[in-house]
Amino acid sequence: MSFFKKYNGTANARLLRMERVIWPLVYGGLLALVLAWFTENRQATDATGLYAVGCVALAMGVAVFVLRSRQKEE
């Protein structure tokens, strides 16, 4: 008996699509925020755009994550 339950994925195409889009959005948003932080001193307009894109991507990733956590397998 193992401590953690094994998760072999889902057969539902909609849930699988949600699972595949969550982490690229979260990590892409975080990467954009870090890049904006580093470019803030030199190119303020580029940093503002990166901050906006990063925040939107991160918020969408978290929203899909919360939505997926509330879905049930059929």
N, C-alpha and C. Protein backbone atom coordinates (compact mmCIF):
# COMPACT_ATOMS: atom_id res chain seq x y z
N MET A 1 0.85 -1.18 0.00
CA MET A 1 0.00 0.00 0.00
C MET A 1 0.89 1.24 0.00
N SER A 2 0.62 2.13 -0.90
CA SER A 2 1.45 3.33 -1.01
C SER A 2 0.79 4.50 -0.30
N PHE A 3 1.60 5.48 0.00
CA PHE A 3 1.12 6.67 0.71
C PHE A 3 0.31 7.56 -0.22
N PHE A 4 0.80 7.74 -1.45
CA PHE A 4 0.12 8.58 -2.41
C PHE A 4 -0.68 7.72 -3.38
N LYS A 5 -1.83 8.23 -3.80
CA LYS A 5 -2.61 7.53 -4.82
C LYS A 5 -1.96 7.74 -6.17
N LYS A 6 -1.96 6.70 -7.00
CA LYS A 6 -1.44 6.84 -8.35
C LYS A 6 -2.48 7.53 -9.21
N TYR A 7 -2.00 8.37 -10.10
CA TYR A 7 -2.90 9.04 -11.03
C TYR A 7 -2.39 8.77 -12.42
N ASN A 8 -3.15 8.02 -13.18
CA ASN A 8 -2.75 7.62 -14.51
C ASN A 8 -3.36 8.49 -15.60
N GLY A 9 -3.90 9.62 -15.22
CA GLY A 9 -4.49 10.50 -16.21
C GLY A 9 -5.98 10.25 -16.34
N THR A 10 -6.56 10.93 -17.28
CA THR A 10 -7.99 10.83 -17.50
C THR A 10 -8.26 10.46 -18.95
N ALA A 11 -9.39 9.85 -19.17
CA ALA A 11 -9.79 9.51 -20.53
C ALA A 11 -10.68 10.61 -21.14
N ASN A 12 -11.17 11.50 -20.30
CA ASN A 12 -12.04 12.58 -20.75
C ASN A 12 -11.19 13.63 -21.48
N ALA A 13 -11.51 13.91 -22.72
CA ALA A 13 -10.72 14.82 -23.55
C ALA A 13 -10.74 16.24 -23.01
N ARG A 14 -11.85 16.67 -22.48
CA ARG A 14 -11.97 18.04 -21.96
C ARG A 14 -11.06 18.23 -20.74
N LEU A 15 -11.08 17.27 -19.83
CA LEU A 15 -10.25 17.37 -18.64
C LEU A 15 -8.77 17.24 -18.98
N LEU A 16 -8.46 16.41 -19.96
CA LEU A 16 -7.07 16.25 -20.39
C LEU A 16 -6.54 17.55 -20.99
N ARG A 17 -7.36 18.23 -21.78
CA ARG A 17 -6.97 19.51 -22.35
C ARG A 17 -6.71 20.55 -21.25
N MET A 18 -7.56 20.55 -20.22
CA MET A 18 -7.37 21.46 -19.11
C MET A 18 -6.06 21.17 -18.38
N GLU A 19 -5.76 19.89 -18.18
CA GLU A 19 -4.53 19.52 -17.49
C GLU A 19 -3.30 19.91 -18.29
N ARG A 20 -3.38 19.85 -19.59
CA ARG A 20 -2.24 20.19 -20.43
C ARG A 20 -2.00 21.69 -20.55
N VAL A 21 -3.01 22.50 -20.27
CA VAL A 21 -2.86 23.95 -20.44
C VAL A 21 -2.50 24.66 -19.13
N ILE A 22 -2.70 24.00 -18.00
CA ILE A 22 -2.49 24.65 -16.71
C ILE A 22 -1.03 25.06 -16.51
N TRP A 23 -0.11 24.10 -16.59
CA TRP A 23 1.27 24.39 -16.22
C TRP A 23 2.00 25.29 -17.21
N PRO A 24 1.78 25.18 -18.51
CA PRO A 24 2.41 26.19 -19.39
C PRO A 24 1.96 27.61 -19.10
N LEU A 25 0.69 27.78 -18.74
CA LEU A 25 0.21 29.12 -18.39
C LEU A 25 0.86 29.62 -17.11
N VAL A 26 0.92 28.78 -16.10
CA VAL A 26 1.50 29.20 -14.82
C VAL A 26 2.98 29.51 -14.98
N TYR A 27 3.74 28.58 -15.56
CA TYR A 27 5.18 28.79 -15.68
C TYR A 27 5.50 29.88 -16.71
N GLY A 28 4.73 29.99 -17.76
CA GLY A 28 4.93 31.06 -18.73
C GLY A 28 4.67 32.43 -18.11
N GLY A 29 3.63 32.52 -17.29
CA GLY A 29 3.34 33.77 -16.60
C GLY A 29 4.44 34.15 -15.63
N LEU A 30 4.94 33.17 -14.89
CA LEU A 30 6.03 33.45 -13.96
C LEU A 30 7.30 33.86 -14.70
N LEU A 31 7.58 33.22 -15.82
CA LEU A 31 8.76 33.57 -16.61
C LEU A 31 8.63 34.99 -17.15
N ALA A 32 7.46 35.35 -17.61
CA ALA A 32 7.25 36.72 -18.12
C ALA A 32 7.42 37.75 -17.00
N LEU A 33 6.96 37.42 -15.80
CA LEU A 33 7.12 38.34 -14.68
C LEU A 33 8.60 38.52 -14.30
N VAL A 34 9.35 37.43 -14.32
CA VAL A 34 10.78 37.52 -14.01
C VAL A 34 11.51 38.32 -15.09
N LEU A 35 11.19 38.07 -16.34
CA LEU A 35 11.82 38.83 -17.42
C LEU A 35 11.48 40.31 -17.33
N ALA A 36 10.25 40.62 -16.96
CA ALA A 36 9.86 42.03 -16.80
C ALA A 36 10.63 42.67 -15.66
N TRP A 37 10.85 41.93 -14.60
CA TRP A 37 11.59 42.45 -13.46
C TRP A 37 13.04 42.78 -13.84
N PHE A 38 13.63 41.92 -14.68
CA PHE A 38 15.02 42.15 -15.10
C PHE A 38 15.13 43.26 -16.14
N THR A 39 14.13 43.46 -16.96
CA THR A 39 14.21 44.49 -18.00
C THR A 39 13.63 45.83 -17.55
N GLU A 40 13.20 45.91 -16.33
CA GLU A 40 12.53 47.11 -15.84
C GLU A 40 13.45 48.34 -15.87
N ASN A 41 14.73 48.17 -15.58
CA ASN A 41 15.63 49.31 -15.52
C ASN A 41 15.98 49.89 -16.89
N ARG A 42 16.02 49.04 -17.91
CA ARG A 42 16.44 49.51 -19.23
C ARG A 42 15.29 49.92 -20.13
N GLN A 43 14.30 49.08 -20.24
CA GLN A 43 13.18 49.33 -21.15
C GLN A 43 11.88 49.28 -20.36
N ALA A 44 11.45 50.41 -19.87
CA ALA A 44 10.27 50.46 -19.01
C ALA A 44 9.00 50.07 -19.76
N THR A 45 8.89 50.44 -21.04
CA THR A 45 7.67 50.09 -21.78
C THR A 45 7.61 48.59 -22.05
N ASP A 46 8.76 47.97 -22.34
CA ASP A 46 8.76 46.53 -22.53
C ASP A 46 8.42 45.81 -21.24
N ALA A 47 8.93 46.31 -20.13
CA ALA A 47 8.66 45.70 -18.84
C ALA A 47 7.17 45.78 -18.49
N THR A 48 6.55 46.89 -18.81
CA THR A 48 5.13 47.04 -18.52
C THR A 48 4.30 46.01 -19.30
N GLY A 49 4.64 45.83 -20.55
CA GLY A 49 3.94 44.83 -21.36
C GLY A 49 4.17 43.42 -20.84
N LEU A 50 5.40 43.13 -20.44
CA LEU A 50 5.70 41.80 -19.90
C LEU A 50 4.99 41.56 -18.57
N TYR A 51 4.92 42.60 -17.74
CA TYR A 51 4.17 42.48 -16.49
C TYR A 51 2.70 42.16 -16.77
N ALA A 52 2.12 42.85 -17.73
CA ALA A 52 0.71 42.64 -18.05
C ALA A 52 0.48 41.22 -18.59
N VAL A 53 1.31 40.80 -19.53
CA VAL A 53 1.16 39.46 -20.11
C VAL A 53 1.39 38.39 -19.04
N GLY A 54 2.39 38.59 -18.20
CA GLY A 54 2.68 37.63 -17.15
C GLY A 54 1.56 37.50 -16.15
N CYS A 55 1.01 38.62 -15.74
CA CYS A 55 -0.10 38.59 -14.77
C CYS A 55 -1.34 37.93 -15.35
N VAL A 56 -1.63 38.22 -16.60
CA VAL A 56 -2.81 37.61 -17.24
C VAL A 56 -2.62 36.11 -17.39
N ALA A 57 -1.45 35.68 -17.84
CA ALA A 57 -1.19 34.25 -18.02
C ALA A 57 -1.22 33.53 -16.68
N LEU A 58 -0.62 34.11 -15.67
CA LEU A 58 -0.61 33.48 -14.35
C LEU A 58 -2.02 33.39 -13.78
N ALA A 59 -2.80 34.44 -13.92
CA ALA A 59 -4.18 34.43 -13.43
C ALA A 59 -5.03 33.39 -14.16
N MET A 60 -4.83 33.29 -15.48
CA MET A 60 -5.58 32.27 -16.23
C MET A 60 -5.17 30.87 -15.81
N GLY A 61 -3.87 30.64 -15.58
CA GLY A 61 -3.41 29.33 -15.15
C GLY A 61 -3.97 28.94 -13.80
N VAL A 62 -4.00 29.88 -12.87
CA VAL A 62 -4.56 29.60 -11.54
C VAL A 62 -6.06 29.37 -11.64
N ALA A 63 -6.74 30.13 -12.47
CA ALA A 63 -8.19 29.95 -12.63
C ALA A 63 -8.51 28.58 -13.21
N VAL A 64 -7.76 28.16 -14.21
CA VAL A 64 -8.00 26.83 -14.81
C VAL A 64 -7.65 25.74 -13.79
N PHE A 65 -6.60 25.97 -12.99
CA PHE A 65 -6.21 25.02 -11.96
C PHE A 65 -7.34 24.83 -10.95
N VAL A 66 -7.93 25.94 -10.49
CA VAL A 66 -9.03 25.86 -9.53
C VAL A 66 -10.25 25.21 -10.17
N LEU A 67 -10.55 25.57 -11.41
CA LEU A 67 -11.68 24.98 -12.11
C LEU A 67 -11.49 23.47 -12.29
N ARG A 68 -10.28 23.05 -12.65
CA ARG A 68 -10.01 21.63 -12.82
C ARG A 68 -10.08 20.86 -11.51
N SER A 69 -9.70 21.51 -10.41
CA SER A 69 -9.74 20.82 -9.11
C SER A 69 -11.16 20.55 -8.68
N ARG A 70 -12.11 21.30 -9.19
CA ARG A 70 -13.51 21.10 -8.82
C ARG A 70 -14.27 20.16 -9.75
N GLN A 71 -13.64 19.76 -10.86
CA GLN A 71 -14.26 18.83 -11.79
C GLN A 71 -14.13 17.41 -11.27
N LYS A 72 -15.09 16.56 -11.63
CA LYS A 72 -15.06 15.16 -11.22
C LYS A 72 -14.89 14.28 -12.44
N GLU A 73 -14.23 13.15 -12.21
CA GLU A 73 -14.11 12.14 -13.28
C GLU A 73 -15.47 11.52 -13.52
N GLU A 74 -15.71 11.18 -14.74
CA GLU A 74 -17.00 10.56 -15.07
C GLU A 74 -16.87 9.07 -15.18
